[in-house]
PDB file of N, CA and C in Angstrom:
ATOM      1  N   MET A   1      -9.286 -14.142   3.026  1.00  0.00           N
ATOM      2  CA  MET A   1      -9.384 -12.852   3.678  1.00  0.00           C
ATOM      3  C   MET A   1      -8.266 -11.923   3.195  1.00  0.00           C
ATOM      4  N   LYS A   2      -7.037 -12.468   3.147  1.00  0.00           N
ATOM      5  CA  LYS A   2      -5.910 -11.644   2.720  1.00  0.00           C
ATOM      6  C   LYS A   2      -6.080 -11.186   1.273  1.00  0.00           C
ATOM      7  N   SER A   3      -6.570 -12.087   0.405  1.00  0.00           N
ATOM      8  CA  SER A   3      -6.738 -11.724  -1.004  1.00  0.00           C
ATOM      9  C   SER A   3      -7.803 -10.639  -1.170  1.00  0.00           C
ATOM     10  N   LYS A   4      -8.841 -10.674  -0.330  1.00  0.00           N
ATOM     11  CA  LYS A   4      -9.870  -9.638  -0.397  1.00  0.00           C
ATOM     12  C   LYS A   4      -9.314  -8.295   0.051  1.00  0.00           C
ATOM     13  N   LEU A   5      -8.425  -8.324   1.055  1.00  0.00           N
ATOM     14  CA  LEU A   5      -7.805  -7.082   1.522  1.00  0.00           C
ATOM     15  C   LEU A   5      -6.899  -6.513   0.439  1.00  0.00           C
ATOM     16  N   VAL A   6      -6.157  -7.382  -0.220  1.00  0.00           N
ATOM     17  CA  VAL A   6      -5.284  -6.948  -1.314  1.00  0.00           C
ATOM     18  C   VAL A   6      -6.113  -6.363  -2.443  1.00  0.00           C
ATOM     19  N   LEU A   7      -7.216  -7.033  -2.790  1.00  0.00           N
ATOM     20  CA  LEU A   7      -8.093  -6.546  -3.848  1.00  0.00           C
ATOM     21  C   LEU A   7      -8.656  -5.179  -3.485  1.00  0.00           C
ATOM     22  N   PHE A   8      -9.149  -5.043  -2.271  1.00  0.00           N
ATOM     23  CA  PHE A   8      -9.720  -3.777  -1.836  1.00  0.00           C
ATOM     24  C   PHE A   8      -8.682  -2.665  -1.888  1.00  0.00           C
ATOM     25  N   THR A   9      -7.470  -2.965  -1.430  1.00  0.00           N
ATOM     26  CA  THR A   9      -6.387  -1.972  -1.465  1.00  0.00           C
ATOM     27  C   THR A   9      -6.054  -1.592  -2.897  1.00  0.00           C
ATOM     28  N   ALA A  10      -5.972  -2.587  -3.771  1.00  0.00           N
ATOM     29  CA  ALA A  10      -5.661  -2.313  -5.176  1.00  0.00           C
ATOM     30  C   ALA A  10      -6.748  -1.467  -5.828  1.00  0.00           C
ATOM     31  N   LEU A  11      -7.996  -1.772  -5.518  1.00  0.00           N
ATOM     32  CA  LEU A  11      -9.102  -0.999  -6.085  1.00  0.00           C
ATOM     33  C   LEU A  11      -9.087   0.427  -5.575  1.00  0.00           C
ATOM     34  N   THR A  12      -8.781   0.587  -4.302  1.00  0.00           N
ATOM     35  CA  THR A  12      -8.726   1.930  -3.722  1.00  0.00           C
ATOM     36  C   THR A  12      -7.605   2.735  -4.360  1.00  0.00           C
ATOM     37  N   ILE A  13      -6.451   2.115  -4.528  1.00  0.00           N
ATOM     38  CA  ILE A  13      -5.327   2.807  -5.164  1.00  0.00           C
ATOM     39  C   ILE A  13      -5.680   3.171  -6.593  1.00  0.00           C
ATOM     40  N   PHE A  14      -6.298   2.228  -7.316  1.00  0.00           N
ATOM     41  CA  PHE A  14      -6.684   2.482  -8.703  1.00  0.00           C
ATOM     42  C   PHE A  14      -7.629   3.673  -8.797  1.00  0.00           C
ATOM     43  N   SER A  15      -8.633   3.685  -7.942  1.00  0.00           N
ATOM     44  CA  SER A  15      -9.641   4.735  -8.053  1.00  0.00           C
ATOM     45  C   SER A  15      -9.124   6.076  -7.567  1.00  0.00           C
ATOM     46  N   ALA A  16      -8.136   6.069  -6.685  1.00  0.00           N
ATOM     47  CA  ALA A  16      -7.614   7.325  -6.156  1.00  0.00           C
ATOM     48  C   ALA A  16      -6.498   7.884  -7.028  1.00  0.00           C
ATOM     49  N   SER A  17      -5.914   7.040  -7.846  1.00  0.00           N
ATOM     50  CA  SER A  17      -4.788   7.470  -8.672  1.00  0.00           C
ATOM     51  C   SER A  17      -5.262   8.265  -9.875  1.00  0.00           C
ATOM     52  N   VAL A  18      -4.483   9.244 -10.234  1.00  0.00           N
ATOM     53  CA  VAL A  18      -4.750  10.001 -11.447  1.00  0.00           C
ATOM     54  C   VAL A  18      -3.462  10.002 -12.252  1.00  0.00           C
ATOM     55  N   TYR A  19      -3.535   9.453 -13.425  1.00  0.00           N
ATOM     56  CA  TYR A  19      -2.367   9.395 -14.283  1.00  0.00           C
ATOM     57  C   TYR A  19      -2.405  10.549 -15.267  1.00  0.00           C
ATOM     58  N   ALA A  20      -1.274  11.208 -15.430  1.00  0.00           N
ATOM     59  CA  ALA A  20      -1.195  12.336 -16.346  1.00  0.00           C
ATOM     60  C   ALA A  20      -1.467  11.877 -17.770  1.00  0.00           C
ATOM     61  N   ASP A  21      -0.932  10.717 -18.119  1.00  0.00           N
ATOM     62  CA  ASP A  21      -1.189  10.165 -19.440  1.00  0.00           C
ATOM     63  C   ASP A  21      -0.999   8.653 -19.394  1.00  0.00           C
ATOM     64  N   ALA A  22      -1.380   8.000 -20.439  1.00  0.00           N
ATOM     65  CA  ALA A  22      -1.341   6.542 -20.479  1.00  0.00           C
ATOM     66  C   ALA A  22       0.075   5.992 -20.511  1.00  0.00           C
ATOM     67  N   SER A  23       1.051   6.789 -20.885  1.00  0.00           N
ATOM     68  CA  SER A  23       2.421   6.268 -21.011  1.00  0.00           C
ATOM     69  C   SER A  23       2.945   5.712 -19.690  1.00  0.00           C
ATOM     70  N   SER A  24       2.511   6.252 -18.568  1.00  0.00           N
ATOM     71  CA  SER A  24       2.967   5.738 -17.277  1.00  0.00           C
ATOM     72  C   SER A  24       2.387   4.354 -16.995  1.00  0.00           C
ATOM     73  N   CYS A  25       1.291   4.014 -17.628  1.00  0.00           N
ATOM     74  CA  CYS A  25       0.654   2.708 -17.414  1.00  0.00           C
ATOM     75  C   CYS A  25       1.450   1.569 -18.036  1.00  0.00           C
ATOM     76  N   TYR A  26       2.155   1.840 -19.113  1.00  0.00           N
ATOM     77  CA  TYR A  26       2.838   0.788 -19.847  1.00  0.00           C
ATOM     78  C   TYR A  26       4.010   0.184 -19.072  1.00  0.00           C
ATOM     79  N   SER A  27       4.486   0.837 -18.026  1.00  0.00           N
ATOM     80  CA  SER A  27       5.577   0.292 -17.224  1.00  0.00           C
ATOM     81  C   SER A  27       5.080  -0.681 -16.150  1.00  0.00           C
ATOM     82  N   ILE A  28       3.778  -0.846 -16.020  1.00  0.00           N
ATOM     83  CA  ILE A  28       3.210  -1.753 -15.020  1.00  0.00           C
ATOM     84  C   ILE A  28       3.263  -3.171 -15.575  1.00  0.00           C
ATOM     85  N   SER A  29       3.885  -4.079 -14.825  1.00  0.00           N
ATOM     86  CA  SER A  29       4.072  -5.446 -15.331  1.00  0.00           C
ATOM     87  C   SER A  29       2.830  -6.326 -15.154  1.00  0.00           C
ATOM     88  N   ASN A  30       2.040  -6.111 -14.125  1.00  0.00           N
ATOM     89  CA  ASN A  30       0.824  -6.901 -13.925  1.00  0.00           C
ATOM     90  C   ASN A  30      -0.211  -6.469 -14.958  1.00  0.00           C
ATOM     91  N   GLN A  31      -0.665  -7.426 -15.773  1.00  0.00           N
ATOM     92  CA  GLN A  31      -1.569  -7.096 -16.886  1.00  0.00           C
ATOM     93  C   GLN A  31      -2.898  -6.500 -16.419  1.00  0.00           C
ATOM     94  N   ASP A  32      -3.473  -7.046 -15.347  1.00  0.00           N
ATOM     95  CA  ASP A  32      -4.731  -6.497 -14.851  1.00  0.00           C
ATOM     96  C   ASP A  32      -4.551  -5.055 -14.392  1.00  0.00           C
ATOM     97  N   SER A  33      -3.487  -4.807 -13.650  1.00  0.00           N
ATOM     98  CA  SER A  33      -3.220  -3.450 -13.169  1.00  0.00           C
ATOM     99  C   SER A  33      -2.945  -2.496 -14.329  1.00  0.00           C
ATOM    100  N   LYS A  34      -2.226  -2.994 -15.328  1.00  0.00           N
ATOM    101  CA  LYS A  34      -1.931  -2.167 -16.507  1.00  0.00           C
ATOM    102  C   LYS A  34      -3.224  -1.794 -17.233  1.00  0.00           C
ATOM    103  N   ASN A  35      -4.109  -2.770 -17.430  1.00  0.00           N
ATOM    104  CA  ASN A  35      -5.367  -2.497 -18.117  1.00  0.00           C
ATOM    105  C   ASN A  35      -6.273  -1.574 -17.307  1.00  0.00           C
ATOM    106  N   LEU A  36      -6.275  -1.728 -15.993  1.00  0.00           N
ATOM    107  CA  LEU A  36      -7.036  -0.809 -15.142  1.00  0.00           C
ATOM    108  C   LEU A  36      -6.505   0.615 -15.277  1.00  0.00           C
ATOM    109  N   CYS A  37      -5.203   0.734 -15.272  1.00  0.00           N
ATOM    110  CA  CYS A  37      -4.565   2.040 -15.417  1.00  0.00           C
ATOM    111  C   CYS A  37      -4.903   2.670 -16.773  1.00  0.00           C
ATOM    112  N   LEU A  38      -4.793   1.888 -17.834  1.00  0.00           N
ATOM    113  CA  LEU A  38      -5.093   2.397 -19.171  1.00  0.00           C
ATOM    114  C   LEU A  38      -6.559   2.789 -19.312  1.00  0.00           C
ATOM    115  N   ALA A  39      -7.429   1.994 -18.727  1.00  0.00           N
ATOM    116  CA  ALA A  39      -8.862   2.312 -18.781  1.00  0.00           C
ATOM    117  C   ALA A  39      -9.132   3.658 -18.136  1.00  0.00           C
ATOM    118  N   GLN A  40      -8.512   3.889 -16.992  1.00  0.00           N
ATOM    119  CA  GLN A  40      -8.722   5.150 -16.288  1.00  0.00           C
ATOM    120  C   GLN A  40      -8.045   6.313 -17.019  1.00  0.00           C
ATOM    121  N   ALA A  41      -6.808   6.108 -17.436  1.00  0.00           N
ATOM    122  CA  ALA A  41      -6.058   7.187 -18.079  1.00  0.00           C
ATOM    123  C   ALA A  41      -6.693   7.630 -19.390  1.00  0.00           C
ATOM    124  N   LYS A  42      -7.180   6.668 -20.158  1.00  0.00           N
ATOM    125  CA  LYS A  42      -7.768   6.978 -21.466  1.00  0.00           C
ATOM    126  C   LYS A  42      -9.288   7.123 -21.412  1.00  0.00           C
ATOM    127  N   GLN A  43      -9.856   6.815 -20.249  1.00  0.00           N
ATOM    128  CA  GLN A  43     -11.311   6.830 -20.087  1.00  0.00           C
ATOM    129  C   GLN A  43     -11.978   5.986 -21.171  1.00  0.00           C
ATOM    130  N   GLU A  44     -11.421   4.772 -21.341  1.00  0.00           N
ATOM    131  CA  GLU A  44     -11.954   3.821 -22.320  1.00  0.00           C
ATOM    132  C   GLU A  44     -12.220   2.504 -21.623  1.00  0.00           C
ATOM    133  N   LYS A  45     -13.487   2.165 -21.491  1.00  0.00           N
ATOM    134  CA  LYS A  45     -13.814   0.945 -20.763  1.00  0.00           C
ATOM    135  C   LYS A  45     -13.471  -0.322 -21.528  1.00  0.00           C
ATOM    136  N   SER A  46     -13.070  -0.211 -22.782  1.00  0.00           N
ATOM    137  CA  SER A  46     -12.663  -1.402 -23.536  1.00  0.00           C
ATOM    138  C   SER A  46     -11.483  -2.098 -22.857  1.00  0.00           C
ATOM    139  N   TYR A  47     -10.630  -1.341 -22.174  1.00  0.00           N
ATOM    140  CA  TYR A  47      -9.510  -1.938 -21.448  1.00  0.00           C
ATOM    141  C   TYR A  47     -10.002  -2.767 -20.268  1.00  0.00           C
ATOM    142  N   CYS A  48     -11.126  -2.437 -19.717  1.00  0.00           N
ATOM    143  CA  CYS A  48     -11.671  -3.187 -18.580  1.00  0.00           C
ATOM    144  C   CYS A  48     -11.969  -4.626 -18.972  1.00  0.00           C
ATOM    145  N   TYR A  49     -12.367  -4.849 -20.210  1.00  0.00           N
ATOM    146  CA  TYR A  49     -12.700  -6.196 -20.666  1.00  0.00           C
ATOM    147  C   TYR A  49     -11.468  -7.100 -20.739  1.00  0.00           C
ATOM    148  N   SER A  50     -10.276  -6.531 -20.703  1.00  0.00           N
ATOM    149  CA  SER A  50      -9.045  -7.318 -20.716  1.00  0.00           C
ATOM    150  C   SER A  50      -8.583  -7.690 -19.314  1.00  0.00           C
ATOM    151  N   VAL A  51      -9.275  -7.217 -18.305  1.00  0.00           N
ATOM    152  CA  VAL A  51      -8.935  -7.544 -16.918  1.00  0.00           C
ATOM    153  C   VAL A  51      -9.483  -8.934 -16.608  1.00  0.00           C
ATOM    154  N   ASN A  52      -8.629  -9.828 -16.132  1.00  0.00           N
ATOM    155  CA  ASN A  52      -9.029 -11.215 -15.870  1.00  0.00           C
ATOM    156  C   ASN A  52      -9.813 -11.381 -14.575  1.00  0.00           C
ATOM    157  N   ASP A  53      -9.427 -10.679 -13.522  1.00  0.00           N
ATOM    158  CA  ASP A  53     -10.115 -10.807 -12.234  1.00  0.00           C
ATOM    159  C   ASP A  53     -11.513 -10.201 -12.349  1.00  0.00           C
ATOM    160  N   ARG A  54     -12.527 -11.009 -12.070  1.00  0.00           N
ATOM    161  CA  ARG A  54     -13.918 -10.585 -12.265  1.00  0.00           C
ATOM    162  C   ARG A  54     -14.291  -9.355 -11.431  1.00  0.00           C
ATOM    163  N   ASP A  55     -13.890  -9.323 -10.172  1.00  0.00           N
ATOM    164  CA  ASP A  55     -14.218  -8.172  -9.327  1.00  0.00           C
ATOM    165  C   ASP A  55     -13.554  -6.892  -9.827  1.00  0.00           C
ATOM    166  N   ARG A  56     -12.291  -7.010 -10.195  1.00  0.00           N
ATOM    167  CA  ARG A  56     -11.576  -5.829 -10.699  1.00  0.00           C
ATOM    168  C   ARG A  56     -12.178  -5.358 -12.026  1.00  0.00           C
ATOM    169  N   LYS A  57     -12.588  -6.315 -12.863  1.00  0.00           N
ATOM    170  CA  LYS A  57     -13.218  -5.967 -14.145  1.00  0.00           C
ATOM    171  C   LYS A  57     -14.517  -5.190 -13.909  1.00  0.00           C
ATOM    172  N   ASN A  58     -15.352  -5.700 -13.012  1.00  0.00           N
ATOM    173  CA  ASN A  58     -16.618  -5.023 -12.721  1.00  0.00           C
ATOM    174  C   ASN A  58     -16.396  -3.655 -12.093  1.00  0.00           C
ATOM    175  N   TYR A  59     -15.403  -3.550 -11.235  1.00  0.00           N
ATOM    176  CA  TYR A  59     -15.067  -2.260 -10.627  1.00  0.00           C
ATOM    177  C   TYR A  59     -14.640  -1.270 -11.711  1.00  0.00           C
ATOM    178  N   CYS A  60     -13.796  -1.719 -12.600  1.00  0.00           N
ATOM    179  CA  CYS A  60     -13.320  -0.891 -13.713  1.00  0.00           C
ATOM    180  C   CYS A  60     -14.481  -0.426 -14.581  1.00  0.00           C
ATOM    181  N   LEU A  61     -15.346  -1.363 -14.961  1.00  0.00           N
ATOM    182  CA  LEU A  61     -16.494  -1.023 -15.809  1.00  0.00           C
ATOM    183  C   LEU A  61     -17.425  -0.036 -15.117  1.00  0.00           C
ATOM    184  N   ALA A  62     -17.593  -0.194 -13.820  1.00  0.00           N
ATOM    185  CA  ALA A  62     -18.455   0.720 -13.074  1.00  0.00           C
ATOM    186  C   ALA A  62     -17.893   2.133 -13.094  1.00  0.00           C
ATOM    187  N   LEU A  63     -16.601   2.252 -12.776  1.00  0.00           N
ATOM    188  CA  LEU A  63     -16.016   3.590 -12.661  1.00  0.00           C
ATOM    189  C   LEU A  63     -15.769   4.254 -14.003  1.00  0.00           C
ATOM    190  N   VAL A  64     -15.148   3.535 -14.902  1.00  0.00           N
ATOM    191  CA  VAL A  64     -14.801   4.135 -16.196  1.00  0.00           C
ATOM    192  C   VAL A  64     -16.044   4.353 -17.047  1.00  0.00           C
ATOM    193  N   GLY A  65     -16.973   3.404 -16.986  1.00  0.00           N
ATOM    194  CA  GLY A  65     -18.201   3.527 -17.767  1.00  0.00           C
ATOM    195  C   GLY A  65     -19.293   4.308 -17.056  1.00  0.00           C
ATOM    196  N   ASN A  66     -19.006   4.724 -15.823  1.00  0.00           N
ATOM    197  CA  ASN A  66     -19.972   5.454 -15.008  1.00  0.00           C
ATOM    198  C   ASN A  66     -21.303   4.694 -14.924  1.00  0.00           C
ATOM    199  N   GLU A  67     -21.173   3.378 -14.623  1.00  0.00           N
ATOM    200  CA  GLU A  67     -22.336   2.501 -14.558  1.00  0.00           C
ATOM    201  C   GLU A  67     -22.360   1.787 -13.204  1.00  0.00           C
ATOM    202  N   LYS A  68     -23.100   2.342 -12.280  1.00  0.00           N
ATOM    203  CA  LYS A  68     -23.187   1.839 -10.913  1.00  0.00           C
ATOM    204  C   LYS A  68     -23.609   0.370 -10.855  1.00  0.00           C
ATOM    205  N   SER A  69     -24.389  -0.088 -11.797  1.00  0.00           N
ATOM    206  CA  SER A  69     -24.922  -1.452 -11.771  1.00  0.00           C
ATOM    207  C   SER A  69     -23.818  -2.510 -11.723  1.00  0.00           C
ATOM    208  N   TYR A  70     -22.639  -2.207 -12.282  1.00  0.00           N
ATOM    209  CA  TYR A  70     -21.532  -3.165 -12.234  1.00  0.00           C
ATOM    210  C   TYR A  70     -21.039  -3.398 -10.814  1.00  0.00           C
ATOM    211  N   CYS A  71     -21.224  -2.445  -9.928  1.00  0.00           N
ATOM    212  CA  CYS A  71     -20.790  -2.606  -8.539  1.00  0.00           C
ATOM    213  C   CYS A  71     -21.484  -3.792  -7.883  1.00  0.00           C
ATOM    214  N   TYR A  72     -22.715  -4.047  -8.246  1.00  0.00           N
ATOM    215  CA  TYR A  72     -23.485  -5.122  -7.637  1.00  0.00           C
ATOM    216  C   TYR A  72     -22.978  -6.506  -8.041  1.00  0.00           C
ATOM    217  N   SER A  73     -22.144  -6.582  -9.059  1.00  0.00           N
ATOM    218  CA  SER A  73     -21.583  -7.853  -9.502  1.00  0.00           C
ATOM    219  C   SER A  73     -20.268  -8.185  -8.812  1.00  0.00           C
ATOM    220  N   ILE A  74     -19.792  -7.311  -7.957  1.00  0.00           N
ATOM    221  CA  ILE A  74     -18.539  -7.527  -7.231  1.00  0.00           C
ATOM    222  C   ILE A  74     -18.818  -8.419  -6.028  1.00  0.00           C
ATOM    223  N   SER A  75     -18.068  -9.513  -5.906  1.00  0.00           N
ATOM    224  CA  SER A  75     -18.331 -10.488  -4.840  1.00  0.00           C
ATOM    225  C   SER A  75     -17.764 -10.064  -3.488  1.00  0.00           C
ATOM    226  N   SER A  76     -16.656  -9.357  -3.455  1.00  0.00           N
ATOM    227  CA  SER A  76     -16.087  -8.881  -2.195  1.00  0.00           C
ATOM    228  C   SER A  76     -16.964  -7.750  -1.654  1.00  0.00           C
ATOM    229  N   SER A  77     -17.499  -7.935  -0.459  1.00  0.00           N
ATOM    230  CA  SER A  77     -18.425  -6.923   0.076  1.00  0.00           C
ATOM    231  C   SER A  77     -17.738  -5.584   0.317  1.00  0.00           C
ATOM    232  N   ASP A  78     -16.481  -5.594   0.765  1.00  0.00           N
ATOM    233  CA  ASP A  78     -15.768  -4.331   0.969  1.00  0.00           C
ATOM    234  C   ASP A  78     -15.557  -3.598  -0.351  1.00  0.00           C
ATOM    235  N   ALA A  79     -15.131  -4.333  -1.370  1.00  0.00           N
ATOM    236  CA  ALA A  79     -14.906  -3.714  -2.678  1.00  0.00           C
ATOM    237  C   ALA A  79     -16.220  -3.238  -3.283  1.00  0.00           C
ATOM    238  N   LYS A  80     -17.294  -4.021  -3.088  1.00  0.00           N
ATOM    239  CA  LYS A  80     -18.608  -3.624  -3.596  1.00  0.00           C
ATOM    240  C   LYS A  80     -19.061  -2.318  -2.940  1.00  0.00           C
ATOM    241  N   ASN A  81     -18.918  -2.230  -1.625  1.00  0.00           N
ATOM    242  CA  ASN A  81     -19.312  -1.016  -0.911  1.00  0.00           C
ATOM    243  C   ASN A  81     -18.469   0.185  -1.301  1.00  0.00           C
ATOM    244  N   GLU A  82     -17.173  -0.060  -1.517  1.00  0.00           N
ATOM    245  CA  GLU A  82     -16.275   1.030  -1.940  1.00  0.00           C
ATOM    246  C   GLU A  82     -16.690   1.511  -3.318  1.00  0.00           C
ATOM    247  N   CYS A  83     -17.047   0.587  -4.187  1.00  0.00           N
ATOM    248  CA  CYS A  83     -17.490   0.930  -5.545  1.00  0.00           C
ATOM    249  C   CYS A  83     -18.772   1.747  -5.485  1.00  0.00           C
ATOM    250  N   LEU A  84     -19.724   1.277  -4.717  1.00  0.00           N
ATOM    251  CA  LEU A  84     -21.025   1.986  -4.593  1.00  0.00           C
ATOM    252  C   LEU A  84     -20.835   3.378  -4.012  1.00  0.00           C
ATOM    253  N   ALA A  85     -19.858   3.537  -3.135  1.00  0.00           N
ATOM    254  CA  ALA A  85     -19.616   4.841  -2.520  1.00  0.00           C
ATOM    255  C   ALA A  85     -19.116   5.871  -3.534  1.00  0.00           C
ATOM    256  N   ARG A  86     -18.616   5.398  -4.659  1.00  0.00           N
ATOM    257  CA  ARG A  86     -18.111   6.306  -5.717  1.00  0.00           C
ATOM    258  C   ARG A  86     -19.239   7.003  -6.473  1.00  0.00           C
ATOM    259  N   PHE A  87     -20.466   6.534  -6.284  1.00  0.00           N
ATOM    260  CA  PHE A  87     -21.591   7.099  -7.042  1.00  0.00           C
ATOM    261  C   PHE A  87     -22.481   7.938  -6.165  1.00  0.00           C
TER     262      PHE A  87
END
């Protein structure tokens, strides 16, 4: 339960954040978070494929690639609903 809450919070922060440029992403030590940041900042879904957590990867691919179908592959129901709400 706690891990799902953390995931949902991280996804919400990721989707709500706007980075001026990718340089701010490189200071993030967590690799998944860094790749999520780079994917959003550069609008390149290739960074999403480097995300290890499956739910975060699908969330990234959905948002950056503008492909709602990836939301359905998210196992956390809260994160899935949050993803679907973006479309």
